[in-house]
Protein backbone atom coordinates (compact mmCIF):
# COMPACT_ATOMS: atom_id res chain seq x y z
CA MET A 1 70.72 -77.35 58.45
CA GLU A 2 70.26 -76.63 62.07
CA THR A 3 67.18 -74.35 62.05
CA ASP A 4 64.56 -75.03 64.45
CA GLY A 5 66.58 -78.30 65.72
CA GLY A 6 68.17 -79.29 62.85
CA GLY A 7 67.75 -82.50 60.60
CA TRP A 8 66.77 -80.91 57.18
CA THR A 9 67.69 -82.03 54.08
CA LEU A 10 68.04 -79.92 51.16
CA VAL A 11 65.59 -81.12 48.53
CA TRP A 12 65.31 -77.70 46.26
CA SER A 13 67.38 -75.22 45.67
CA TYR A 14 66.38 -72.13 43.13
CA THR A 15 67.17 -69.11 41.98
CA LEU A 16 64.76 -65.95 40.34
CA THR A 17 64.72 -65.31 36.40
CA LYS A 18 64.21 -61.14 36.92
CA TYR A 19 64.77 -60.47 40.38
CA ASN A 20 66.06 -56.97 39.68
CA HIS A 21 62.32 -56.30 37.82
CA PHE A 22 60.31 -58.98 40.57
CA ARG A 23 56.77 -58.33 38.92
CA ASN A 24 57.86 -58.48 35.76
CA LYS A 25 56.00 -61.30 33.92
CA SER A 26 59.30 -62.84 32.97
CA ASN A 27 60.18 -63.56 36.25
CA ALA A 28 59.64 -67.31 37.27
CA ILE A 29 61.47 -69.84 39.59
CA THR A 30 64.29 -71.91 38.01
CA PRO A 31 64.46 -74.53 38.20
CA ARG A 32 61.03 -76.89 39.55
CA PRO A 33 60.87 -79.72 40.38
CA ASN A 34 59.41 -82.28 38.48
CA TRP A 35 55.75 -81.85 40.40
CA PRO A 36 52.47 -81.62 38.33
CA ALA A 37 51.97 -78.99 36.70
CA ASN A 38 50.52 -76.57 33.66
CA PRO A 39 52.11 -78.06 30.49
CA LYS A 40 53.08 -73.39 30.06
CA VAL A 41 55.34 -73.57 32.97
CA ASP A 42 58.48 -73.27 30.94
CA VAL A 43 61.24 -73.21 33.16
CA ILE A 44 63.83 -76.17 33.18
CA ILE A 45 62.69 -79.36 35.70
CA SER A 46 65.26 -80.84 37.42
CA THR A 47 65.32 -84.04 39.02
CA THR A 48 69.45 -83.54 40.12
CA PRO A 49 69.45 -83.51 43.71
CA PRO A 50 71.42 -79.95 45.16
CA LEU A 51 74.69 -80.37 46.77
CA ASN A 52 74.65 -76.85 48.33
CA GLU A 53 72.63 -74.13 48.57
CA THR A 54 73.67 -71.96 45.62
CA ASP A 55 73.37 -75.53 43.27
CA TYR A 56 70.30 -74.94 41.69
CA ASN A 57 68.54 -78.49 41.02
CA ALA A 58 65.97 -80.29 43.19
CA ILE A 59 65.50 -84.38 43.95
CA ASN A 60 62.78 -86.24 41.79
CA PHE A 61 59.67 -84.98 43.67
CA SER A 62 58.09 -88.66 44.14
CA LEU A 63 61.08 -89.26 46.59
CA TRP A 64 60.00 -86.09 48.64
CA LYS A 65 57.10 -88.10 50.18
CA GLN A 66 59.59 -90.05 51.81
CA LEU A 67 61.46 -87.89 53.80
CA VAL A 68 58.21 -85.55 54.52
CA ARG A 69 57.64 -84.52 58.29
CA GLN A 70 57.90 -81.01 58.03
CA ILE A 71 58.94 -78.34 55.70
CA LEU A 72 60.88 -75.25 55.96
CA ILE A 73 61.01 -72.75 52.86
CA LYS A 74 63.97 -70.61 53.42
CA SER A 75 64.41 -67.69 51.24
CA ASN A 76 66.73 -64.56 51.26
CA VAL A 77 64.26 -62.55 49.83
CA ASN A 78 61.68 -63.54 52.04
CA ASN A 79 61.00 -64.78 55.42
CA TRP A 80 61.36 -68.70 56.35
CA LEU A 81 58.47 -70.86 56.45
CA LYS A 82 58.49 -74.06 58.75
CA CYS A 83 55.50 -76.22 58.11
CA ASP A 84 53.51 -78.76 59.18
CA PRO A 85 50.83 -80.59 56.77
CA GLU A 86 47.61 -80.40 58.04
CA THR A 87 44.90 -81.17 55.25
CA GLY A 88 47.21 -80.03 52.86
CA SER A 89 50.35 -80.27 51.96
CA LEU A 90 53.01 -79.66 49.45
CA VAL A 91 54.59 -83.09 49.05
CA ASP A 92 51.15 -84.93 48.94
CA TRP A 93 50.55 -82.23 46.15
CA GLU A 94 47.05 -81.65 48.71
CA ARG A 95 45.38 -78.65 48.52
CA GLY A 96 43.92 -77.07 52.41
CA SER A 97 45.32 -75.96 55.65
CA VAL A 98 49.12 -75.94 56.68
CA ASN A 99 50.15 -75.00 60.34
CA CYS A 100 53.27 -72.39 59.29
CA GLU A 101 55.43 -70.24 61.83
CA ILE A 102 57.68 -67.66 60.79
CA VAL A 103 60.84 -68.73 62.04
CA ARG A 104 63.35 -66.16 61.06
CA LEU A 105 62.71 -62.71 59.89
CA VAL A 106 64.46 -61.63 56.49
CA THR A 107 62.53 -58.45 55.78
CA ASP A 108 61.97 -55.14 57.37
CA THR A 109 58.30 -55.17 56.56
CA CYS A 110 55.40 -56.97 57.85
CA ARG A 111 57.63 -58.72 60.92
CA SER A 112 54.08 -60.63 62.25
CA LYS A 113 54.47 -64.04 62.74
CA ARG A 114 50.95 -64.88 60.93
CA ALA A 115 48.95 -68.06 60.48
CA PRO A 116 47.14 -70.37 59.53
CA PHE A 117 48.40 -70.51 55.74
CA ILE A 118 46.71 -72.70 53.14
CA PHE A 119 48.48 -74.42 50.47
CA SER A 120 46.94 -74.02 47.02
CA LEU A 121 47.74 -74.82 43.45
CA MET A 122 47.68 -71.81 41.38
CA ASN A 123 48.09 -71.64 37.52
CA TYR A 124 51.89 -72.11 37.39
CA GLY A 125 53.36 -73.52 40.55
CA PRO A 126 52.35 -74.14 44.28
CA THR A 127 51.72 -71.70 46.71
CA PHE A 128 51.59 -70.87 50.29
CA LYS A 129 48.80 -68.31 51.28
CA THR A 130 46.95 -66.57 54.08
CA THR A 131 43.34 -66.18 53.97
CA GLU A 132 44.18 -62.76 52.28
CA ASN A 133 46.68 -63.65 50.07
CA ARG A 134 50.04 -65.17 48.57
CA TYR A 135 52.94 -65.17 51.00
CA TYR A 136 55.19 -67.86 48.78
CA TYR A 137 54.14 -68.68 45.15
CA PHE A 138 56.38 -70.65 42.98
CA ASP A 139 55.41 -69.81 39.35
CA GLY A 140 57.75 -71.46 36.95
CA TYR A 141 56.42 -69.36 33.69
CA THR A 142 57.95 -66.67 32.27
CA ARG A 143 55.14 -65.19 29.97
CA ASP A 144 52.77 -64.47 32.97
CA ASN A 145 52.45 -63.78 36.95
CA TRP A 146 55.77 -63.75 38.64
CA PRO A 147 56.65 -65.62 41.12
CA THR A 148 55.69 -64.33 45.02
CA HIS A 149 57.94 -63.75 47.83
CA ASP A 150 55.84 -61.29 49.88
CA PRO A 151 55.60 -61.32 53.91
CA CYS A 152 52.98 -59.42 53.97
CA GLY A 153 50.53 -61.63 51.90
CA LYS A 154 49.23 -58.49 50.18
CA LYS A 155 47.40 -58.68 47.20
CA LYS A 156 48.72 -59.08 43.61
CA LYS A 157 49.07 -55.75 42.63
CA SER A 158 51.21 -54.88 46.06
CA LYS A 159 54.66 -52.60 45.73
CA GLY A 160 56.11 -56.40 46.94
CA ASN A 161 57.68 -56.81 50.12
CA HIS A 162 60.43 -58.49 49.86
CA ALA A 163 63.51 -57.60 50.45
CA LYS A 164 65.37 -55.83 48.11
CA LYS A 165 68.97 -55.33 46.12
CA VAL A 166 69.64 -58.91 47.45
CA VAL A 167 73.14 -60.43 45.89
CA ASP A 168 72.19 -63.39 44.47
CA PRO A 169 68.80 -64.12 45.58
CA HIS A 170 67.15 -67.37 45.98
CA GLY A 171 65.15 -70.06 47.90
CA HIS A 172 65.23 -73.38 49.25
CA ILE A 173 62.94 -76.44 50.40
CA TYR A 174 64.09 -78.22 53.04
CA ILE A 175 62.13 -81.28 54.59
CA ARG A 176 62.74 -83.05 58.02
CA THR A 177 63.30 -86.52 58.06
CA LYS A 178 61.70 -88.68 59.24
CA SER A 179 63.09 -90.13 63.30
């Protein structure tokens, strides 16, 4: 993976259960890493390293800390984010600020490179949001909410600003290894 200078390791590759009905409560990311989660989260858990971007699996979450310096959130339905930990960190499972920048535009809406971002833990998975609202929400529960992939960071009740009519919708998290 050569984005932003390269050196990225794929640690998680996921798909969406109901992409064509994105705001349906049964839409969720799948599989999910074995990170801490609400007991209601009901998508399968993976600890098998993904072999490529369409091998939907995740490296054991406890191993992510050994690789971490930066993360790259890549999706074919939302803009890509590169994030550096500040007071918050996905890998350390710590709520707080993260310094994110958009490194690739995927959608035709909300094309500004907004910051700052906050890493937070919602009911059914982690989220990256602006001070206004969610940008990425990795919801792993098929009975409530839905995963947010919104380049505008709009309120939950927005119409959805993710890319539409995408064949094989999916996303990934990469970690840049320590040098």
